[in-house]
Amino acid sequence: MPIIKSSIKDLRRTERRTARNRAAQGKLRSTLKRARTAIAAGQSDAAQQAVAAALPIIDRAPGKGILHKNAAARHKSRLMRRLAKVNAPASS
């Protein structure tokens, strides 16, 4: 535990930031998982809605420092590729 007054304040600030970052990270992970499970289930409509909900969260993540911009692009690309496979008509 810090003794210096400014260090005590800094510790409080760090705790607030950590809580905010963990919440944002959890939200990102849960929306990604929701989208992936909907795609894996093969439910076209549910998958489209889940991906549509996940995309803006993925877009905001690099700005908040949760994801690197290339990692965000990779997540989006993979989600869209999987979604396209679910929506593609079955060729006979």
Protein backbone atom coordinates (compact mmCIF):
# COMPACT_ATOMS: atom_id res chain seq x y z
CA MET A 1 0.00 0.00 0.00
CA PRO A 2 1.50 3.35 -0.99
CA ILE A 3 2.24 6.00 1.61
CA ILE A 4 2.65 9.04 -0.64
CA LYS A 5 -0.59 10.92 -1.25
CA SER A 6 -0.19 11.12 -5.03
CA SER A 7 0.54 7.39 -5.17
CA ILE A 8 -2.64 6.65 -3.25
CA LYS A 9 -4.62 8.72 -5.75
CA ASP A 10 -2.84 6.98 -8.61
CA LEU A 11 -3.79 3.61 -7.16
CA ARG A 12 -7.47 4.62 -7.05
CA ARG A 13 -7.25 5.84 -10.65
CA THR A 14 -5.62 2.58 -11.73
CA GLU A 15 -8.38 0.54 -10.05
CA ARG A 16 -11.07 2.53 -11.88
CA ARG A 17 -9.32 2.15 -15.21
CA THR A 18 -8.76 -1.57 -14.65
CA ALA A 19 -12.45 -2.08 -13.90
CA ARG A 20 -13.43 -0.13 -17.03
CA ASN A 21 -11.00 -2.10 -19.21
CA ARG A 22 -12.14 -5.46 -17.81
CA ALA A 23 -15.78 -4.61 -18.45
CA ALA A 24 -15.04 -3.59 -22.03
CA GLN A 25 -12.93 -6.70 -22.59
CA GLY A 26 -15.67 -8.93 -21.17
CA LYS A 27 -18.28 -7.32 -23.38
CA LEU A 28 -16.08 -7.86 -26.44
CA ARG A 29 -15.44 -11.50 -25.59
CA SER A 30 -19.09 -12.27 -24.85
CA THR A 31 -20.36 -10.69 -28.06
CA LEU A 32 -17.73 -12.55 -30.09
CA LYS A 33 -18.70 -15.81 -28.43
CA ARG A 34 -22.42 -15.14 -29.01
CA ALA A 35 -21.75 -14.51 -32.70
CA ARG A 36 -19.56 -17.60 -33.06
CA THR A 37 -22.08 -19.89 -31.38
CA ALA A 38 -24.92 -18.55 -33.52
CA ILE A 39 -22.83 -19.18 -36.63
CA ALA A 40 -21.86 -22.66 -35.43
CA ALA A 41 -25.52 -23.48 -34.80
CA GLY A 42 -26.21 -22.63 -38.43
CA GLN A 43 -29.01 -20.19 -37.62
CA SER A 44 -28.75 -17.67 -40.41
CA ASP A 45 -30.96 -14.92 -38.95
CA ALA A 46 -29.61 -15.20 -35.42
CA ALA A 47 -26.05 -15.30 -36.74
CA GLN A 48 -26.59 -12.13 -38.80
CA GLN A 49 -28.01 -10.29 -35.79
CA ALA A 50 -25.20 -11.47 -33.51
CA VAL A 51 -22.51 -10.45 -36.01
CA ALA A 52 -24.23 -7.09 -36.55
CA ALA A 53 -24.13 -6.53 -32.77
CA ALA A 54 -20.47 -7.60 -32.54
CA LEU A 55 -19.07 -5.46 -35.36
CA PRO A 56 -19.43 -2.02 -33.71
CA ILE A 57 -17.94 -3.36 -30.48
CA ILE A 58 -14.97 -4.77 -32.41
CA ASP A 59 -14.63 -1.44 -34.25
CA ARG A 60 -14.41 0.52 -30.99
CA ALA A 61 -11.96 -1.87 -29.28
CA PRO A 62 -8.74 -0.50 -30.87
CA GLY A 63 -9.66 3.04 -29.86
CA LYS A 64 -10.07 1.94 -26.25
CA GLY A 65 -6.79 0.03 -26.31
CA ILE A 66 -8.45 -3.37 -25.86
CA LEU A 67 -7.40 -4.81 -29.22
CA HIS A 68 -4.73 -3.95 -31.75
CA LYS A 69 -6.25 -2.59 -34.96
CA ASN A 70 -4.99 -5.59 -36.96
CA ALA A 71 -6.45 -8.00 -34.40
CA ALA A 72 -9.81 -6.23 -34.69
CA ALA A 73 -9.64 -6.47 -38.47
CA ARG A 74 -8.80 -10.17 -38.19
CA HIS A 75 -11.75 -10.83 -35.88
CA LYS A 76 -14.11 -9.02 -38.23
CA SER A 77 -12.76 -10.80 -41.28
CA ARG A 78 -13.10 -14.24 -39.74
CA LEU A 79 -16.61 -13.53 -38.48
CA MET A 80 -17.73 -12.30 -41.88
CA ARG A 81 -16.15 -15.30 -43.62
CA ARG A 82 -17.93 -17.74 -41.30
CA LEU A 83 -21.20 -15.86 -41.71
CA ALA A 84 -20.89 -16.03 -45.49
CA LYS A 85 -20.54 -19.82 -45.27
CA VAL A 86 -23.75 -20.06 -43.20
CA ASN A 87 -25.67 -17.80 -45.59
CA ALA A 88 -24.34 -19.42 -48.78
CA PRO A 89 -26.87 -21.61 -50.56
CA ALA A 90 -25.97 -25.28 -50.40
CA SER A 91 -24.60 -26.38 -53.77
CA SER A 92 -25.72 -29.80 -54.92
